[in-house]
Amino acid sequence: MKNVLLFLLGVVGGFVAAHFMTKDPRGNELLASIDARISDFTDTLAGAYHAEVARDTTD
């Protein structure tokens, strides 16, 4: 139960920190940069997955 409470406090703390970071222009740029990197990464994974599925269906 203690671990669940600590996890929830960490999640809430992260949301609060992100909220304050978006109010600062430098923090907003940092979060936008992180978001762009995550989007690039997930797009690459999705492309690789779709290529693999297409390759498997042609075999």
PDB file of N, CA and C in Angstrom:
ATOM      1  N   MET A   1       0.820  -1.187   0.000  1.00  0.00           N
ATOM      2  CA  MET A   1       0.000   0.000   0.000  1.00  0.00           C
ATOM      3  C   MET A   1       0.867   1.255   0.000  1.00  0.00           C
ATOM      4  N   LYS A   2       1.980   1.176   0.701  1.00  0.00           N
ATOM      5  CA  LYS A   2       2.895   2.314   0.762  1.00  0.00           C
ATOM      6  C   LYS A   2       3.463   2.613  -0.631  1.00  0.00           C
ATOM      7  N   ASN A   3       3.768   1.557  -1.380  1.00  0.00           N
ATOM      8  CA  ASN A   3       4.317   1.750  -2.725  1.00  0.00           C
ATOM      9  C   ASN A   3       3.306   2.408  -3.656  1.00  0.00           C
ATOM     10  N   VAL A   4       2.047   2.047  -3.525  1.00  0.00           N
ATOM     11  CA  VAL A   4       0.999   2.645  -4.355  1.00  0.00           C
ATOM     12  C   VAL A   4       0.869   4.122  -4.027  1.00  0.00           C
ATOM     13  N   LEU A   5       0.907   4.465  -2.757  1.00  0.00           N
ATOM     14  CA  LEU A   5       0.824   5.864  -2.334  1.00  0.00           C
ATOM     15  C   LEU A   5       2.007   6.662  -2.869  1.00  0.00           C
ATOM     16  N   LEU A   6       3.192   6.108  -2.790  1.00  0.00           N
ATOM     17  CA  LEU A   6       4.379   6.797  -3.315  1.00  0.00           C
ATOM     18  C   LEU A   6       4.290   6.967  -4.823  1.00  0.00           C
ATOM     19  N   PHE A   7       3.793   5.964  -5.513  1.00  0.00           N
ATOM     20  CA  PHE A   7       3.614   6.053  -6.962  1.00  0.00           C
ATOM     21  C   PHE A   7       2.637   7.159  -7.318  1.00  0.00           C
ATOM     22  N   LEU A   8       1.497   7.196  -6.643  1.00  0.00           N
ATOM     23  CA  LEU A   8       0.506   8.228  -6.916  1.00  0.00           C
ATOM     24  C   LEU A   8       1.034   9.627  -6.601  1.00  0.00           C
ATOM     25  N   LEU A   9       1.790   9.759  -5.531  1.00  0.00           N
ATOM     26  CA  LEU A   9       2.397  11.053  -5.210  1.00  0.00           C
ATOM     27  C   LEU A   9       3.394  11.477  -6.293  1.00  0.00           C
ATOM     28  N   GLY A  10       4.113  10.537  -6.827  1.00  0.00           N
ATOM     29  CA  GLY A  10       5.046  10.828  -7.911  1.00  0.00           C
ATOM     30  C   GLY A  10       4.337  11.266  -9.173  1.00  0.00           C
ATOM     31  N   VAL A  11       3.237  10.614  -9.509  1.00  0.00           N
ATOM     32  CA  VAL A  11       2.464  10.981 -10.700  1.00  0.00           C
ATOM     33  C   VAL A  11       1.887  12.380 -10.536  1.00  0.00           C
ATOM     34  N   VAL A  12       1.278  12.642  -9.388  1.00  0.00           N
ATOM     35  CA  VAL A  12       0.699  13.964  -9.134  1.00  0.00           C
ATOM     36  C   VAL A  12       1.795  15.022  -9.134  1.00  0.00           C
ATOM     37  N   GLY A  13       2.927  14.726  -8.524  1.00  0.00           N
ATOM     38  CA  GLY A  13       4.051  15.668  -8.526  1.00  0.00           C
ATOM     39  C   GLY A  13       4.548  15.954  -9.927  1.00  0.00           C
ATOM     40  N   GLY A  14       4.565  14.955 -10.772  1.00  0.00           N
ATOM     41  CA  GLY A  14       4.978  15.153 -12.161  1.00  0.00           C
ATOM     42  C   GLY A  14       4.026  16.054 -12.914  1.00  0.00           C
ATOM     43  N   PHE A  15       2.733  15.867 -12.694  1.00  0.00           N
ATOM     44  CA  PHE A  15       1.756  16.739 -13.347  1.00  0.00           C
ATOM     45  C   PHE A  15       1.882  18.182 -12.865  1.00  0.00           C
ATOM     46  N   VAL A  16       2.101  18.354 -11.579  1.00  0.00           N
ATOM     47  CA  VAL A  16       2.256  19.706 -11.035  1.00  0.00           C
ATOM     48  C   VAL A  16       3.511  20.357 -11.604  1.00  0.00           C
ATOM     49  N   ALA A  17       4.600  19.623 -11.666  1.00  0.00           N
ATOM     50  CA  ALA A  17       5.843  20.166 -12.223  1.00  0.00           C
ATOM     51  C   ALA A  17       5.672  20.527 -13.697  1.00  0.00           C
ATOM     52  N   ALA A  18       5.012  19.675 -14.455  1.00  0.00           N
ATOM     53  CA  ALA A  18       4.785  19.960 -15.877  1.00  0.00           C
ATOM     54  C   ALA A  18       3.891  21.183 -16.049  1.00  0.00           C
ATOM     55  N   HIS A  19       2.919  21.335 -15.182  1.00  0.00           N
ATOM     56  CA  HIS A  19       2.037  22.503 -15.249  1.00  0.00           C
ATOM     57  C   HIS A  19       2.833  23.786 -15.057  1.00  0.00           C
ATOM     58  N   PHE A  20       3.719  23.808 -14.073  1.00  0.00           N
ATOM     59  CA  PHE A  20       4.518  25.006 -13.836  1.00  0.00           C
ATOM     60  C   PHE A  20       5.548  25.222 -14.945  1.00  0.00           C
ATOM     61  N   MET A  21       6.053  24.140 -15.522  1.00  0.00           N
ATOM     62  CA  MET A  21       7.034  24.279 -16.602  1.00  0.00           C
ATOM     63  C   MET A  21       6.408  24.879 -17.852  1.00  0.00           C
ATOM     64  N   THR A  22       5.148  24.574 -18.120  1.00  0.00           N
ATOM     65  CA  THR A  22       4.508  25.115 -19.316  1.00  0.00           C
ATOM     66  C   THR A  22       4.252  26.608 -19.205  1.00  0.00           C
ATOM     67  N   LYS A  23       4.217  27.137 -17.997  1.00  0.00           N
ATOM     68  CA  LYS A  23       4.012  28.574 -17.813  1.00  0.00           C
ATOM     69  C   LYS A  23       5.271  29.378 -18.122  1.00  0.00           C
ATOM     70  N   ASP A  24       6.429  28.749 -18.022  1.00  0.00           N
ATOM     71  CA  ASP A  24       7.704  29.404 -18.304  1.00  0.00           C
ATOM     72  C   ASP A  24       8.065  29.154 -19.775  1.00  0.00           C
ATOM     73  N   PRO A  25       8.455  30.178 -20.531  1.00  0.00           N
ATOM     74  CA  PRO A  25       8.790  29.959 -21.950  1.00  0.00           C
ATOM     75  C   PRO A  25       9.907  28.936 -22.159  1.00  0.00           C
ATOM     76  N   ARG A  26      10.911  28.945 -21.303  1.00  0.00           N
ATOM     77  CA  ARG A  26      11.995  27.966 -21.444  1.00  0.00           C
ATOM     78  C   ARG A  26      11.502  26.558 -21.153  1.00  0.00           C
ATOM     79  N   GLY A  27      10.645  26.416 -20.152  1.00  0.00           N
ATOM     80  CA  GLY A  27      10.076  25.107 -19.837  1.00  0.00           C
ATOM     81  C   GLY A  27       9.166  24.621 -20.940  1.00  0.00           C
ATOM     82  N   ASN A  28       8.425  25.557 -21.532  1.00  0.00           N
ATOM     83  CA  ASN A  28       7.542  25.208 -22.637  1.00  0.00           C
ATOM     84  C   ASN A  28       8.350  24.701 -23.829  1.00  0.00           C
ATOM     85  N   GLU A  29       9.474  25.349 -24.124  1.00  0.00           N
ATOM     86  CA  GLU A  29      10.348  24.891 -25.210  1.00  0.00           C
ATOM     87  C   GLU A  29      10.927  23.513 -24.904  1.00  0.00           C
ATOM     88  N   LEU A  30      11.316  23.295 -23.657  1.00  0.00           N
ATOM     89  CA  LEU A  30      11.874  22.002 -23.259  1.00  0.00           C
ATOM     90  C   LEU A  30      10.844  20.891 -23.437  1.00  0.00           C
ATOM     91  N   LEU A  31       9.623  21.128 -22.968  1.00  0.00           N
ATOM     92  CA  LEU A  31       8.578  20.110 -23.105  1.00  0.00           C
ATOM     93  C   LEU A  31       8.221  19.880 -24.571  1.00  0.00           C
ATOM     94  N   ALA A  32       8.236  20.932 -25.380  1.00  0.00           N
ATOM     95  CA  ALA A  32       7.961  20.772 -26.814  1.00  0.00           C
ATOM     96  C   ALA A  32       9.063  19.945 -27.474  1.00  0.00           C
ATOM     97  N   SER A  33      10.300  20.159 -27.063  1.00  0.00           N
ATOM     98  CA  SER A  33      11.419  19.381 -27.604  1.00  0.00           C
ATOM     99  C   SER A  33      11.298  17.903 -27.225  1.00  0.00           C
ATOM    100  N   ILE A  34      10.950  17.647 -25.981  1.00  0.00           N
ATOM    101  CA  ILE A  34      10.779  16.270 -25.526  1.00  0.00           C
ATOM    102  C   ILE A  34       9.621  15.611 -26.272  1.00  0.00           C
ATOM    103  N   ASP A  35       8.532  16.357 -26.452  1.00  0.00           N
ATOM    104  CA  ASP A  35       7.376  15.825 -27.172  1.00  0.00           C
ATOM    105  C   ASP A  35       7.733  15.490 -28.617  1.00  0.00           C
ATOM    106  N   ALA A  36       8.529  16.342 -29.254  1.00  0.00           N
ATOM    107  CA  ALA A  36       8.939  16.081 -30.640  1.00  0.00           C
ATOM    108  C   ALA A  36       9.805  14.824 -30.720  1.00  0.00           C
ATOM    109  N   ARG A  37      10.692  14.638 -29.771  1.00  0.00           N
ATOM    110  CA  ARG A  37      11.537  13.435 -29.767  1.00  0.00           C
ATOM    111  C   ARG A  37      10.708  12.177 -29.570  1.00  0.00           C
ATOM    112  N   ILE A  38       9.740  12.249 -28.651  1.00  0.00           N
ATOM    113  CA  ILE A  38       8.885  11.088 -28.409  1.00  0.00           C
ATOM    114  C   ILE A  38       8.053  10.785 -29.647  1.00  0.00           C
ATOM    115  N   SER A  39       7.535  11.830 -30.303  1.00  0.00           N
ATOM    116  CA  SER A  39       6.753  11.623 -31.526  1.00  0.00           C
ATOM    117  C   SER A  39       7.591  10.989 -32.621  1.00  0.00           C
ATOM    118  N   ASP A  40       8.829  11.443 -32.796  1.00  0.00           N
ATOM    119  CA  ASP A  40       9.726  10.839 -33.787  1.00  0.00           C
ATOM    120  C   ASP A  40       9.963   9.366 -33.476  1.00  0.00           C
ATOM    121  N   PHE A  41      10.198   9.064 -32.204  1.00  0.00           N
ATOM    122  CA  PHE A  41      10.457   7.694 -31.785  1.00  0.00           C
ATOM    123  C   PHE A  41       9.250   6.805 -32.047  1.00  0.00           C
ATOM    124  N   THR A  42       8.064   7.261 -31.656  1.00  0.00           N
ATOM    125  CA  THR A  42       6.874   6.437 -31.860  1.00  0.00           C
ATOM    126  C   THR A  42       6.533   6.310 -33.341  1.00  0.00           C
ATOM    127  N   ASP A  43       6.792   7.342 -34.132  1.00  0.00           N
ATOM    128  CA  ASP A  43       6.566   7.237 -35.576  1.00  0.00           C
ATOM    129  C   ASP A  43       7.503   6.208 -36.201  1.00  0.00           C
ATOM    130  N   THR A  44       8.746   6.175 -35.741  1.00  0.00           N
ATOM    131  CA  THR A  44       9.710   5.191 -36.231  1.00  0.00           C
ATOM    132  C   THR A  44       9.277   3.775 -35.862  1.00  0.00           C
ATOM    133  N   LEU A  45       8.834   3.595 -34.614  1.00  0.00           N
ATOM    134  CA  LEU A  45       8.359   2.276 -34.201  1.00  0.00           C
ATOM    135  C   LEU A  45       7.132   1.850 -34.993  1.00  0.00           C
ATOM    136  N   ALA A  46       6.205   2.765 -35.201  1.00  0.00           N
ATOM    137  CA  ALA A  46       4.995   2.435 -35.959  1.00  0.00           C
ATOM    138  C   ALA A  46       5.343   2.090 -37.405  1.00  0.00           C
ATOM    139  N   GLY A  47       6.267   2.817 -37.992  1.00  0.00           N
ATOM    140  CA  GLY A  47       6.685   2.516 -39.361  1.00  0.00           C
ATOM    141  C   GLY A  47       7.329   1.145 -39.465  1.00  0.00           C
ATOM    142  N   ALA A  48       8.178   0.820 -38.499  1.00  0.00           N
ATOM    143  CA  ALA A  48       8.822  -0.491 -38.503  1.00  0.00           C
ATOM    144  C   ALA A  48       7.798  -1.606 -38.306  1.00  0.00           C
ATOM    145  N   TYR A  49       6.836  -1.372 -37.425  1.00  0.00           N
ATOM    146  CA  TYR A  49       5.788  -2.374 -37.192  1.00  0.00           C
ATOM    147  C   TYR A  49       4.968  -2.601 -38.455  1.00  0.00           C
ATOM    148  N   HIS A  50       4.556  -1.519 -39.107  1.00  0.00           N
ATOM    149  CA  HIS A  50       3.745  -1.660 -40.305  1.00  0.00           C
ATOM    150  C   HIS A  50       4.540  -2.312 -41.447  1.00  0.00           C
ATOM    151  N   ALA A  51       5.823  -2.022 -41.527  1.00  0.00           N
ATOM    152  CA  ALA A  51       6.653  -2.670 -42.540  1.00  0.00           C
ATOM    153  C   ALA A  51       6.765  -4.167 -42.262  1.00  0.00           C
ATOM    154  N   GLU A  52       6.889  -4.538 -40.998  1.00  0.00           N
ATOM    155  CA  GLU A  52       6.984  -5.946 -40.636  1.00  0.00           C
ATOM    156  C   GLU A  52       5.670  -6.668 -40.913  1.00  0.00           C
ATOM    157  N   VAL A  53       4.557  -6.024 -40.606  1.00  0.00           N
ATOM    158  CA  VAL A  53       3.252  -6.634 -40.874  1.00  0.00           C
ATOM    159  C   VAL A  53       3.061  -6.804 -42.380  1.00  0.00           C
ATOM    160  N   ALA A  54       3.452  -5.799 -43.147  1.00  0.00           N
ATOM    161  CA  ALA A  54       3.319  -5.896 -44.606  1.00  0.00           C
ATOM    162  C   ALA A  54       4.219  -7.017 -45.148  1.00  0.00           C
ATOM    163  N   ARG A  55       5.386  -7.165 -44.583  1.00  0.00           N
ATOM    164  CA  ARG A  55       6.310  -8.211 -45.032  1.00  0.00           C
ATOM    165  C   ARG A  55       5.751  -9.586 -44.694  1.00  0.00           C
ATOM    166  N   ASP A  56       5.147  -9.724 -43.512  1.00  0.00           N
ATOM    167  CA  ASP A  56       4.587 -11.016 -43.103  1.00  0.00           C
ATOM    168  C   ASP A  56       3.369 -11.407 -43.933  1.00  0.00           C
ATOM    169  N   THR A  57       2.584 -10.448 -44.358  1.00  0.00           N
ATOM    170  CA  THR A  57       1.386 -10.771 -45.123  1.00  0.00           C
ATOM    171  C   THR A  57       1.727 -11.154 -46.554  1.00  0.00           C
ATOM    172  N   THR A  58       2.893 -10.766 -47.051  1.00  0.00           N
ATOM    173  CA  THR A  58       3.274 -11.119 -48.420  1.00  0.00           C
ATOM    174  C   THR A  58       3.971 -12.471 -48.477  1.00  0.00           C
ATOM    175  N   ASP A  59       4.373 -12.997 -47.340  1.00  0.00           N
ATOM    176  CA  ASP A  59       5.064 -14.304 -47.321  1.00  0.00           C
ATOM    177  C   ASP A  59       4.121 -15.449 -47.475  1.00  0.00           C
TER     178      ASP A  59
END
